Amino acid sequence: MANKNSSPLSEVVKHIAEQQHSQASEFERNKTVLFQLQAKVQELEKEKDAILLEIKTTEREIYLQDNAIELTKHHCGTLEEQVRALYSEILKLRYDAEAVQEEFEVTLARNNEYREKIRSHKHLFWEMESKMPAMIELAEKKALVKELKTKKEELMQDLQNPEGSVIKQVQEEIALLRSEITTLKELINKKTDFLEEERKVHAKLKKEIEVQNKRYNAILKRLHCQLNKLHSDKRQWQWNIHQLEKKAAELRKSLEVVE
């Protein structure tokens, strides 16, 4: 009887133990799954933090790009203003260049006219210079030198003659000619120096005449100013005399009334 009662109890205990063991196994499995889930959650948290960091970085980059776009727009506006200013400056410079070109053409025409006058004056001066006694003498001396050089060449050809006396005579004549040529060259140099000095004196006198003309023009201008001032003073004096005569006449009338 006792065995009959103990058998169901042992089965119950065994069943309970099996349940406990099963629950313990289930608990271990749940615990393992929990650890796995916690690890997975931590990984997801890390991924979330990385995604949030990436989102913040992306937002910052977008913010920086927006600022860069605004700066670029502002810079483009500034560049457009500069381009408009440059275009206005280019138009002004083009107008100034056209004005300068016109002025240059007028100046060039005036300079060409002045060159023609200078050329005419030079031609006239050369004609006058060629008629000067010193220049005529210089031309004659040059012609003589040319003639002597020709004669010298002819004598050099005659030197090929083997006769000694002729060679000696020719050498003497050549020496004499050389002396004459040297003298003529010195004379020509002196005449050239003299003409150069005359030109310098002429240029100096021309400058002095220009200075004197400027001085006389200034004196004449000053005299004109003084004359104008005298005329003005004269008119003022005449007006003052007229006023005094008028006042004297009034005083005479007053004296007549008093008498």
Protein backbone atom coordinates (compact mmCIF):
# COMPACT_ATOMS: atom_id res chain seq x y z
CA MET A 1 0.00 0.00 0.00
CA ALA A 2 2.85 2.23 0.89
CA ASN A 3 4.56 1.41 -2.41
CA LYS A 4 1.44 2.32 -4.27
CA ASN A 5 1.35 5.72 -2.57
CA SER A 6 5.04 6.40 -3.00
CA SER A 7 5.03 5.61 -6.66
CA PRO A 8 2.76 8.44 -7.70
CA LEU A 9 4.66 10.82 -5.40
CA SER A 10 7.96 9.92 -6.92
CA GLU A 11 6.47 10.40 -10.31
CA VAL A 12 5.22 13.80 -9.26
CA VAL A 13 8.65 14.67 -7.87
CA LYS A 14 10.24 13.32 -10.98
CA HIS A 15 7.83 15.28 -13.11
CA ILE A 16 8.47 18.41 -11.08
CA ALA A 17 12.21 17.86 -11.36
CA GLU A 18 11.87 17.37 -15.06
CA GLN A 19 9.80 20.55 -15.27
CA GLN A 20 12.38 22.43 -13.19
CA HIS A 21 15.16 21.06 -15.35
CA SER A 22 13.17 21.98 -18.44
CA GLN A 23 12.48 25.45 -17.01
CA ALA A 24 16.16 25.80 -16.10
CA SER A 25 17.14 24.83 -19.63
CA GLU A 26 14.51 27.20 -20.98
CA PHE A 27 15.84 29.91 -18.63
CA GLU A 28 19.38 29.32 -19.84
CA ARG A 29 18.21 29.44 -23.41
CA ASN A 30 16.21 32.62 -22.71
CA LYS A 31 19.22 34.04 -20.88
CA THR A 32 21.44 33.27 -23.87
CA VAL A 33 18.87 34.78 -26.22
CA LEU A 34 18.65 37.82 -23.89
CA PHE A 35 22.42 38.24 -23.96
CA GLN A 36 22.32 37.91 -27.71
CA LEU A 37 19.50 40.45 -27.90
CA GLN A 38 21.35 42.81 -25.56
CA ALA A 39 24.48 42.48 -27.72
CA LYS A 40 22.36 43.07 -30.78
CA VAL A 41 20.76 46.12 -29.09
CA GLN A 42 24.21 47.48 -28.21
CA GLU A 43 25.32 47.00 -31.80
CA LEU A 44 22.14 48.72 -32.96
CA GLU A 45 22.79 51.54 -30.47
CA LYS A 46 26.30 51.92 -31.83
CA GLU A 47 24.96 51.88 -35.38
CA LYS A 48 22.34 54.43 -34.34
CA ASP A 49 25.02 56.68 -32.79
CA ALA A 50 27.16 56.32 -35.92
CA ILE A 51 24.12 57.12 -38.10
CA LEU A 52 23.27 60.13 -35.89
CA LEU A 53 26.89 61.30 -36.08
CA GLU A 54 26.84 60.85 -39.85
CA ILE A 55 23.52 62.74 -40.01
CA LYS A 56 25.01 65.59 -37.94
CA THR A 57 28.11 65.60 -40.14
CA THR A 58 25.92 65.63 -43.24
CA GLU A 59 23.78 68.43 -41.79
CA ARG A 60 26.95 70.40 -40.98
CA GLU A 61 28.24 69.85 -44.52
CA ILE A 62 24.87 70.96 -45.90
CA TYR A 63 25.02 74.05 -43.65
CA LEU A 64 28.54 74.82 -44.83
CA GLN A 65 27.51 74.26 -48.44
CA ASP A 66 24.53 76.60 -47.93
CA ASN A 67 26.89 79.22 -46.51
CA ALA A 68 29.27 78.65 -49.42
CA ILE A 69 26.37 79.04 -51.84
CA GLU A 70 25.34 82.31 -50.16
CA LEU A 71 28.93 83.55 -50.25
CA THR A 72 29.16 82.53 -53.91
CA LYS A 73 25.92 84.38 -54.68
CA HIS A 74 27.24 87.46 -52.88
CA HIS A 75 30.56 87.15 -54.72
CA CYS A 76 28.71 86.78 -58.03
CA GLY A 77 26.73 89.93 -57.25
CA THR A 78 29.95 91.78 -56.43
CA LEU A 79 31.51 90.50 -59.65
CA GLU A 80 28.47 91.64 -61.62
CA GLU A 81 28.80 95.12 -60.08
CA GLN A 82 32.52 95.12 -60.90
CA VAL A 83 31.77 94.00 -64.46
CA ARG A 84 29.25 96.83 -64.86
CA ALA A 85 31.78 99.30 -63.42
CA LEU A 86 34.48 97.95 -65.72
CA TYR A 87 32.15 98.19 -68.70
CA SER A 88 31.41 101.82 -67.82
CA GLU A 89 35.15 102.44 -67.42
CA ILE A 90 35.81 100.76 -70.78
CA LEU A 91 33.22 102.98 -72.44
CA LYS A 92 34.81 106.04 -70.82
CA LEU A 93 38.30 104.90 -71.85
CA ARG A 94 37.04 104.27 -75.39
CA TYR A 95 35.59 107.77 -75.51
CA ASP A 96 38.83 109.22 -74.08
CA ALA A 97 40.84 107.17 -76.59
CA GLU A 98 38.76 108.56 -79.46
CA ALA A 99 39.28 112.08 -78.12
CA VAL A 100 43.02 111.44 -77.75
CA GLN A 101 43.11 110.00 -81.27
CA GLU A 102 41.42 113.10 -82.65
CA GLU A 103 43.80 115.33 -80.70
CA PHE A 104 46.73 113.23 -81.90
CA GLU A 105 45.62 113.59 -85.51
CA VAL A 106 45.29 117.36 -85.10
CA THR A 107 48.72 117.51 -83.42
CA LEU A 108 50.20 115.28 -86.11
CA ALA A 109 48.83 117.55 -88.85
CA ARG A 110 50.23 120.56 -87.00
CA ASN A 111 53.60 118.81 -86.60
CA ASN A 112 53.66 117.89 -90.28
CA GLU A 113 53.00 121.51 -91.15
CA TYR A 114 55.77 122.56 -88.76
CA ARG A 115 58.15 119.99 -90.34
CA GLU A 116 57.39 121.39 -93.77
CA LYS A 117 58.21 124.87 -92.52
CA ILE A 118 61.43 123.60 -90.92
CA ARG A 119 62.36 121.82 -94.15
CA SER A 120 61.77 125.02 -96.11
CA HIS A 121 63.86 127.00 -93.62
CA LYS A 122 66.63 124.41 -93.80
CA HIS A 123 66.60 124.50 -97.59
CA LEU A 124 66.76 128.28 -97.49
CA PHE A 125 69.58 128.15 -94.92
CA TRP A 126 71.52 125.66 -97.05
CA GLU A 127 71.11 127.90 -100.07
CA MET A 128 72.32 130.90 -98.08
CA GLU A 129 75.14 128.84 -96.58
CA SER A 130 76.28 127.60 -100.00
CA LYS A 131 76.60 131.23 -101.11
CA MET A 132 78.78 132.20 -98.16
CA PRO A 133 82.42 133.02 -99.08
CA ALA A 134 83.74 130.50 -96.58
CA MET A 135 81.61 127.71 -98.07
CA ILE A 136 82.63 128.67 -101.60
CA GLU A 137 86.28 128.61 -100.53
CA LEU A 138 85.73 125.25 -98.83
CA ALA A 139 84.19 123.81 -102.02
CA GLU A 140 87.16 125.10 -104.02
CA LYS A 141 89.58 123.53 -101.53
CA LYS A 142 87.74 120.21 -101.73
CA ALA A 143 87.91 120.32 -105.52
CA LEU A 144 91.64 121.05 -105.27
CA VAL A 145 92.15 118.14 -102.89
CA LYS A 146 90.25 115.87 -105.27
CA GLU A 147 92.43 117.06 -108.13
CA LEU A 148 95.58 116.50 -106.08
CA LYS A 149 94.44 112.99 -105.16
CA THR A 150 93.89 112.24 -108.86
CA LYS A 151 97.33 113.57 -109.64
CA LYS A 152 98.79 111.48 -106.84
CA GLU A 153 97.22 108.34 -108.30
CA GLU A 154 98.69 109.18 -111.70
CA LEU A 155 102.10 109.69 -110.12
CA MET A 156 101.84 106.39 -108.28
CA GLN A 157 101.31 104.69 -111.62
CA ASP A 158 104.38 106.48 -112.99
CA LEU A 159 106.44 105.06 -110.11
CA GLN A 160 106.51 101.75 -111.89
CA ASN A 161 109.05 103.32 -114.24
CA PRO A 162 112.48 101.84 -113.28
CA GLU A 163 114.35 105.13 -113.87
CA GLY A 164 115.65 106.35 -110.50
CA SER A 165 115.63 110.08 -111.22
CA VAL A 166 112.01 110.04 -112.18
CA ILE A 167 111.13 108.08 -109.04
CA LYS A 168 113.12 110.51 -106.93
CA GLN A 169 111.46 113.48 -108.57
CA VAL A 170 108.07 111.89 -108.16
CA GLN A 171 108.84 111.15 -104.49
CA GLU A 172 109.77 114.77 -103.95
CA GLU A 173 106.61 115.91 -105.66
CA ILE A 174 104.61 113.41 -103.60
CA ALA A 175 106.18 114.73 -100.40
CA LEU A 176 105.39 118.25 -101.48
CA LEU A 177 101.84 117.27 -102.36
CA ARG A 178 101.45 115.50 -99.05
CA SER A 179 102.59 118.64 -97.29
CA GLU A 180 100.12 120.70 -99.31
CA ILE A 181 97.37 118.16 -98.66
CA THR A 182 98.12 118.25 -94.93
CA THR A 183 98.05 122.05 -95.02
CA LEU A 184 94.81 122.00 -96.95
CA LYS A 185 93.30 119.45 -94.54
CA GLU A 186 94.28 121.64 -91.62
CA LEU A 187 92.79 124.63 -93.40
CA ILE A 188 89.63 122.67 -94.15
CA ASN A 189 89.43 121.54 -90.52
CA LYS A 190 89.90 125.13 -89.37
CA LYS A 191 87.24 126.31 -91.78
CA THR A 192 84.93 123.50 -90.63
CA ASP A 193 85.57 124.41 -87.00
CA PHE A 194 84.97 128.05 -87.86
CA LEU A 195 81.69 127.19 -89.56
CA GLU A 196 80.70 125.02 -86.60
CA GLU A 197 81.47 127.90 -84.24
CA GLU A 198 79.47 130.20 -86.50
CA ARG A 199 76.56 127.77 -86.35
CA LYS A 200 76.85 127.57 -82.57
CA VAL A 201 76.97 131.37 -82.39
CA HIS A 202 73.99 131.53 -84.73
CA ALA A 203 72.08 129.04 -82.55
CA LYS A 204 73.09 130.94 -79.42
CA LEU A 205 72.00 134.23 -80.95
CA LYS A 206 68.75 132.63 -82.01
CA LYS A 207 68.13 131.44 -78.44
CA GLU A 208 69.08 134.85 -77.07
CA ILE A 209 66.73 136.51 -79.55
CA GLU A 210 63.95 134.15 -78.45
CA VAL A 211 64.71 134.96 -74.80
CA GLN A 212 64.76 138.68 -75.56
CA ASN A 213 61.49 138.34 -77.48
CA LYS A 214 59.93 136.57 -74.51
CA ARG A 215 61.33 139.23 -72.20
CA TYR A 216 60.07 142.06 -74.40
CA ASN A 217 56.69 140.35 -74.68
CA ALA A 218 56.54 140.12 -70.89
CA ILE A 219 57.57 143.79 -70.58
CA LEU A 220 54.99 144.75 -73.20
CA LYS A 221 52.35 142.74 -71.37
CA ARG A 222 53.29 144.41 -68.09
CA LEU A 223 53.17 147.83 -69.77
CA HIS A 224 49.73 146.99 -71.17
CA CYS A 225 48.61 146.04 -67.66
CA GLN A 226 50.02 149.30 -66.29
CA LEU A 227 48.36 151.26 -69.08
CA ASN A 228 45.04 149.55 -68.40
CA LYS A 229 45.47 150.33 -64.70
CA LEU A 230 46.26 153.97 -65.53
CA HIS A 231 43.15 154.15 -67.70
CA SER A 232 41.14 152.62 -64.87
CA ASP A 233 42.67 155.06 -62.35
CA LYS A 234 42.02 157.92 -64.75
CA ARG A 235 38.36 156.95 -65.05
CA GLN A 236 38.17 156.69 -61.24
CA TRP A 237 39.80 160.13 -60.85
CA GLN A 238 37.45 161.65 -63.41
CA TRP A 239 34.50 160.15 -61.58
CA ASN A 240 35.83 161.50 -58.25
CA ILE A 241 36.37 164.95 -59.80
CA HIS A 242 32.86 164.86 -61.21
CA GLN A 243 31.50 163.94 -57.78
CA LEU A 244 33.52 166.72 -56.13
CA GLU A 245 32.35 169.25 -58.73
CA LYS A 246 28.78 168.08 -58.19
CA LYS A 247 29.20 168.42 -54.43
CA ALA A 248 30.81 171.86 -54.86
CA ALA A 249 27.88 172.98 -57.01
CA GLU A 250 25.48 171.80 -54.32
CA LEU A 251 27.46 173.69 -51.68
CA ARG A 252 27.38 176.87 -53.83
CA LYS A 253 23.62 176.57 -54.13
CA SER A 254 23.36 176.14 -50.39
CA LEU A 255 25.50 179.24 -49.80
CA GLU A 256 23.33 181.24 -52.22
CA VAL A 257 20.21 180.17 -50.35
CA VAL A 258 21.78 181.14 -47.02
CA GLU A 259 22.77 184.62 -48.31
